[in-house]
């Protein structure tokens, strides 16, 4: 099973509060990215080796110093982690 398949459909009930979600599938399993006009980016990915989801909040393309990174082992906890990042990104 591809855990990253159809992320936008799977999490359609999340209010991205003006963010523009995109799914990229060419990064070794896919990621969900949500872009905001204020310079924030939410990056959601799954590391198969660690069996862990990572929700990273990036500001002004500074990947070296994320504003926040949340590691999630259970897919059931992922929507809340995304909502937390959305609340920060959207202000």
N, C-alpha and C. Protein backbone atom coordinates (compact mmCIF):
# COMPACT_ATOMS: atom_id res chain seq x y z
N UNK A 1 0.83 -1.19 0.00
CA UNK A 1 0.00 0.00 0.00
C UNK A 1 0.87 1.25 0.00
N UNK A 2 0.56 2.21 -0.85
CA UNK A 2 1.27 3.47 -0.90
C UNK A 2 0.61 4.43 0.07
N UNK A 3 1.28 4.70 1.18
CA UNK A 3 0.68 5.54 2.22
C UNK A 3 0.47 6.98 1.76
N UNK A 4 1.15 7.39 0.69
CA UNK A 4 1.07 8.76 0.22
C UNK A 4 0.06 8.94 -0.90
N UNK A 5 -0.59 7.88 -1.31
CA UNK A 5 -1.51 7.93 -2.42
C UNK A 5 -2.75 8.77 -2.10
N UNK A 6 -3.11 9.65 -3.00
CA UNK A 6 -4.33 10.45 -2.89
C UNK A 6 -4.41 11.29 -1.61
N UNK A 7 -3.33 11.93 -1.22
CA UNK A 7 -3.31 12.69 0.02
C UNK A 7 -4.31 13.82 0.03
N UNK A 8 -4.45 14.54 -1.07
CA UNK A 8 -5.38 15.67 -1.08
C UNK A 8 -6.80 15.17 -0.87
N UNK A 9 -7.17 14.07 -1.53
CA UNK A 9 -8.50 13.50 -1.34
C UNK A 9 -8.67 12.96 0.08
N UNK A 10 -7.63 12.31 0.57
CA UNK A 10 -7.70 11.68 1.89
C UNK A 10 -7.90 12.71 3.00
N UNK A 11 -7.29 13.87 2.85
CA UNK A 11 -7.36 14.90 3.88
C UNK A 11 -8.16 16.12 3.41
N UNK A 12 -9.15 15.88 2.56
CA UNK A 12 -9.97 16.96 2.00
C UNK A 12 -10.75 17.71 3.08
N UNK A 13 -10.97 17.08 4.23
CA UNK A 13 -11.72 17.74 5.29
C UNK A 13 -10.88 18.74 6.09
N UNK A 14 -9.59 18.81 5.80
CA UNK A 14 -8.73 19.78 6.48
C UNK A 14 -8.87 21.14 5.80
N UNK A 15 -9.13 22.16 6.59
CA UNK A 15 -9.20 23.52 6.08
C UNK A 15 -7.76 24.05 6.03
N UNK A 16 -7.24 24.23 4.82
CA UNK A 16 -5.87 24.70 4.67
C UNK A 16 -5.76 26.22 4.81
N UNK A 17 -6.87 26.88 5.09
CA UNK A 17 -6.93 28.31 5.40
C UNK A 17 -6.16 29.17 4.40
N UNK A 18 -6.47 28.97 3.14
CA UNK A 18 -5.88 29.78 2.08
C UNK A 18 -4.62 29.20 1.47
N UNK A 19 -4.10 28.13 2.06
CA UNK A 19 -2.92 27.49 1.49
C UNK A 19 -3.26 26.70 0.23
N UNK A 20 -2.29 26.56 -0.65
CA UNK A 20 -2.49 25.83 -1.89
C UNK A 20 -1.80 24.48 -1.81
N UNK A 21 -2.58 23.39 -1.66
CA UNK A 21 -1.97 22.06 -1.54
C UNK A 21 -1.55 21.50 -2.90
N UNK A 22 -0.41 20.82 -2.90
CA UNK A 22 0.09 20.11 -4.07
C UNK A 22 0.65 18.77 -3.61
N UNK A 23 0.55 17.77 -4.46
CA UNK A 23 1.15 16.47 -4.16
C UNK A 23 2.26 16.22 -5.16
N UNK A 24 3.41 15.84 -4.65
CA UNK A 24 4.56 15.49 -5.49
C UNK A 24 4.83 14.01 -5.30
N UNK A 25 4.90 13.26 -6.37
CA UNK A 25 5.11 11.82 -6.26
C UNK A 25 6.47 11.37 -6.71
N UNK A 26 7.34 12.29 -7.07
CA UNK A 26 8.65 11.92 -7.58
C UNK A 26 9.75 11.98 -6.53
N UNK A 27 9.38 12.03 -5.28
CA UNK A 27 10.38 12.15 -4.21
C UNK A 27 10.43 10.89 -3.35
N UNK A 28 10.44 9.75 -3.98
CA UNK A 28 10.57 8.51 -3.23
C UNK A 28 9.35 8.19 -2.39
N UNK A 29 8.16 8.35 -2.93
CA UNK A 29 6.96 8.00 -2.19
C UNK A 29 5.95 9.11 -2.11
N UNK A 30 6.37 10.30 -2.41
CA UNK A 30 5.42 11.40 -2.46
C UNK A 30 5.36 12.22 -1.21
N UNK A 31 5.03 13.46 -1.40
CA UNK A 31 4.83 14.38 -0.29
C UNK A 31 3.64 15.26 -0.58
N UNK A 32 3.07 15.79 0.45
CA UNK A 32 2.04 16.81 0.34
C UNK A 32 2.70 18.12 0.74
N UNK A 33 2.58 19.12 -0.09
CA UNK A 33 3.09 20.44 0.24
C UNK A 33 1.93 21.42 0.19
N UNK A 34 1.91 22.35 1.13
CA UNK A 34 0.89 23.39 1.16
C UNK A 34 1.62 24.73 1.21
N UNK A 35 1.38 25.54 0.20
CA UNK A 35 2.07 26.82 0.04
C UNK A 35 1.19 27.97 0.49
N UNK A 36 1.80 28.94 1.16
CA UNK A 36 1.09 30.12 1.64
C UNK A 36 1.76 31.38 1.09
N UNK A 37 0.95 32.39 0.80
CA UNK A 37 1.47 33.65 0.25
C UNK A 37 2.39 34.38 1.21
N UNK A 38 2.27 34.11 2.51
CA UNK A 38 3.10 34.79 3.51
C UNK A 38 4.49 34.17 3.66
N UNK A 39 4.84 33.23 2.78
CA UNK A 39 6.18 32.65 2.81
C UNK A 39 6.29 31.32 3.52
N UNK A 40 5.20 30.85 4.11
CA UNK A 40 5.22 29.55 4.79
C UNK A 40 4.96 28.42 3.81
N UNK A 41 5.53 27.28 4.12
CA UNK A 41 5.32 26.04 3.38
C UNK A 41 5.17 24.92 4.40
N UNK A 42 4.15 24.12 4.23
CA UNK A 42 4.01 22.90 5.04
C UNK A 42 4.40 21.75 4.14
N UNK A 43 5.34 20.95 4.61
CA UNK A 43 5.83 19.80 3.86
C UNK A 43 5.50 18.55 4.67
N UNK A 44 4.72 17.64 4.08
CA UNK A 44 4.33 16.41 4.76
C UNK A 44 4.89 15.24 3.95
N UNK A 45 5.69 14.42 4.58
CA UNK A 45 6.28 13.28 3.89
C UNK A 45 6.29 12.05 4.78
N UNK A 46 6.58 10.94 4.15
CA UNK A 46 6.65 9.67 4.88
C UNK A 46 7.99 9.03 4.61
N UNK A 47 8.71 8.68 5.67
CA UNK A 47 9.98 7.99 5.55
C UNK A 47 9.73 6.50 5.78
N UNK A 48 9.84 5.73 4.73
CA UNK A 48 9.56 4.29 4.81
C UNK A 48 10.53 3.56 5.73
N UNK A 49 11.79 3.95 5.71
CA UNK A 49 12.78 3.29 6.56
C UNK A 49 12.48 3.49 8.05
N UNK A 50 12.04 4.68 8.40
CA UNK A 50 11.73 4.99 9.80
C UNK A 50 10.27 4.72 10.14
N UNK A 51 9.45 4.44 9.12
CA UNK A 51 8.02 4.25 9.30
C UNK A 51 7.42 5.42 10.06
N UNK A 52 7.79 6.62 9.63
CA UNK A 52 7.41 7.84 10.31
C UNK A 52 7.00 8.91 9.30
N UNK A 53 5.93 9.63 9.63
CA UNK A 53 5.52 10.80 8.88
C UNK A 53 6.22 12.01 9.48
N UNK A 54 6.58 12.97 8.64
CA UNK A 54 7.16 14.22 9.11
C UNK A 54 6.35 15.38 8.55
N UNK A 55 5.91 16.25 9.43
CA UNK A 55 5.21 17.47 9.04
C UNK A 55 6.16 18.61 9.40
N UNK A 56 6.70 19.26 8.36
CA UNK A 56 7.66 20.34 8.58
C UNK A 56 7.06 21.66 8.14
N UNK A 57 7.30 22.68 8.94
CA UNK A 57 6.84 24.02 8.62
C UNK A 57 8.07 24.85 8.28
N UNK A 58 8.11 25.32 7.04
CA UNK A 58 9.27 26.05 6.51
C UNK A 58 8.85 27.50 6.28
N UNK A 59 9.72 28.43 6.61
CA UNK A 59 9.44 29.86 6.37
C UNK A 59 10.49 30.41 5.42
N UNK A 60 10.04 31.10 4.39
CA UNK A 60 10.91 31.78 3.43
C UNK A 60 11.96 30.85 2.83
N UNK A 61 11.57 29.63 2.54
CA UNK A 61 12.43 28.64 1.86
C UNK A 61 13.68 28.27 2.66
N UNK A 62 13.67 28.48 3.98
CA UNK A 62 14.82 28.15 4.83
C UNK A 62 14.68 26.72 5.35
N UNK A 63 15.04 25.76 4.50
CA UNK A 63 14.93 24.34 4.84
C UNK A 63 15.93 23.93 5.92
N UNK A 64 17.00 24.69 6.07
CA UNK A 64 18.03 24.34 7.06
C UNK A 64 17.53 24.55 8.49
N UNK A 65 16.59 25.49 8.66
CA UNK A 65 16.07 25.79 9.99
C UNK A 65 14.54 25.84 9.93
N UNK A 66 13.90 24.67 9.97
CA UNK A 66 12.43 24.66 9.95
C UNK A 66 11.87 25.37 11.18
N UNK A 67 10.72 26.01 11.01
CA UNK A 67 10.04 26.65 12.14
C UNK A 67 9.61 25.57 13.13
N UNK A 68 9.14 24.44 12.59
CA UNK A 68 8.70 23.33 13.44
C UNK A 68 8.67 22.05 12.61
N UNK A 69 9.02 20.95 13.22
CA UNK A 69 8.90 19.63 12.60
C UNK A 69 8.21 18.71 13.59
N UNK A 70 7.17 18.04 13.11
CA UNK A 70 6.42 17.11 13.95
C UNK A 70 6.60 15.71 13.36
N UNK A 71 7.07 14.77 14.15
CA UNK A 71 7.23 13.38 13.71
C UNK A 71 6.04 12.57 14.23
N UNK A 72 5.42 11.82 13.33
CA UNK A 72 4.22 11.06 13.64
C UNK A 72 4.42 9.60 13.23
N UNK A 73 4.19 8.68 14.12
CA UNK A 73 4.31 7.26 13.79
C UNK A 73 2.98 6.66 13.34
N UNK A 74 1.88 7.25 13.76
CA UNK A 74 0.56 6.72 13.45
C UNK A 74 -0.14 7.64 12.45
N UNK A 75 -0.62 7.05 11.36
CA UNK A 75 -1.32 7.85 10.36
C UNK A 75 -2.56 8.51 10.94
N UNK A 76 -3.15 7.91 11.96
CA UNK A 76 -4.32 8.49 12.60
C UNK A 76 -4.05 9.83 13.27
N UNK A 77 -2.80 10.09 13.64
CA UNK A 77 -2.43 11.35 14.27
C UNK A 77 -2.04 12.42 13.26
N UNK A 78 -1.91 12.03 12.01
CA UNK A 78 -1.44 12.94 10.97
C UNK A 78 -2.37 14.13 10.74
N UNK A 79 -3.69 13.97 10.65
CA UNK A 79 -4.54 15.14 10.42
C UNK A 79 -4.36 16.23 11.47
N UNK A 80 -4.25 15.86 12.74
CA UNK A 80 -4.07 16.87 13.78
C UNK A 80 -2.73 17.57 13.64
N UNK A 81 -1.69 16.84 13.28
CA UNK A 81 -0.37 17.45 13.08
C UNK A 81 -0.41 18.44 11.92
N UNK A 82 -1.13 18.08 10.85
CA UNK A 82 -1.27 18.99 9.70
C UNK A 82 -2.06 20.23 10.13
N UNK A 83 -3.13 20.04 10.88
CA UNK A 83 -3.93 21.18 11.35
C UNK A 83 -3.10 22.13 12.23
N UNK A 84 -2.25 21.57 13.05
CA UNK A 84 -1.37 22.38 13.89
C UNK A 84 -0.46 23.24 13.04
N UNK A 85 0.14 22.63 12.01
CA UNK A 85 1.01 23.37 11.10
C UNK A 85 0.23 24.43 10.33
N UNK A 86 -0.99 24.10 9.90
CA UNK A 86 -1.84 25.06 9.18
C UNK A 86 -2.14 26.27 10.07
N UNK A 87 -2.46 26.04 11.33
CA UNK A 87 -2.77 27.14 12.24
C UNK A 87 -1.58 28.10 12.37
N UNK A 88 -0.37 27.55 12.43
CA UNK A 88 0.82 28.38 12.53
C UNK A 88 1.06 29.13 11.21
N UNK A 89 0.97 28.41 10.10
CA UNK A 89 1.25 29.00 8.79
C UNK A 89 0.25 30.10 8.42
N UNK A 90 -1.01 29.85 8.73
CA UNK A 90 -2.06 30.79 8.35
C UNK A 90 -2.18 31.96 9.33
N UNK A 91 -1.53 31.80 10.48
CA UNK A 91 -1.56 32.86 11.49
C UNK A 91 -2.83 32.87 12.21
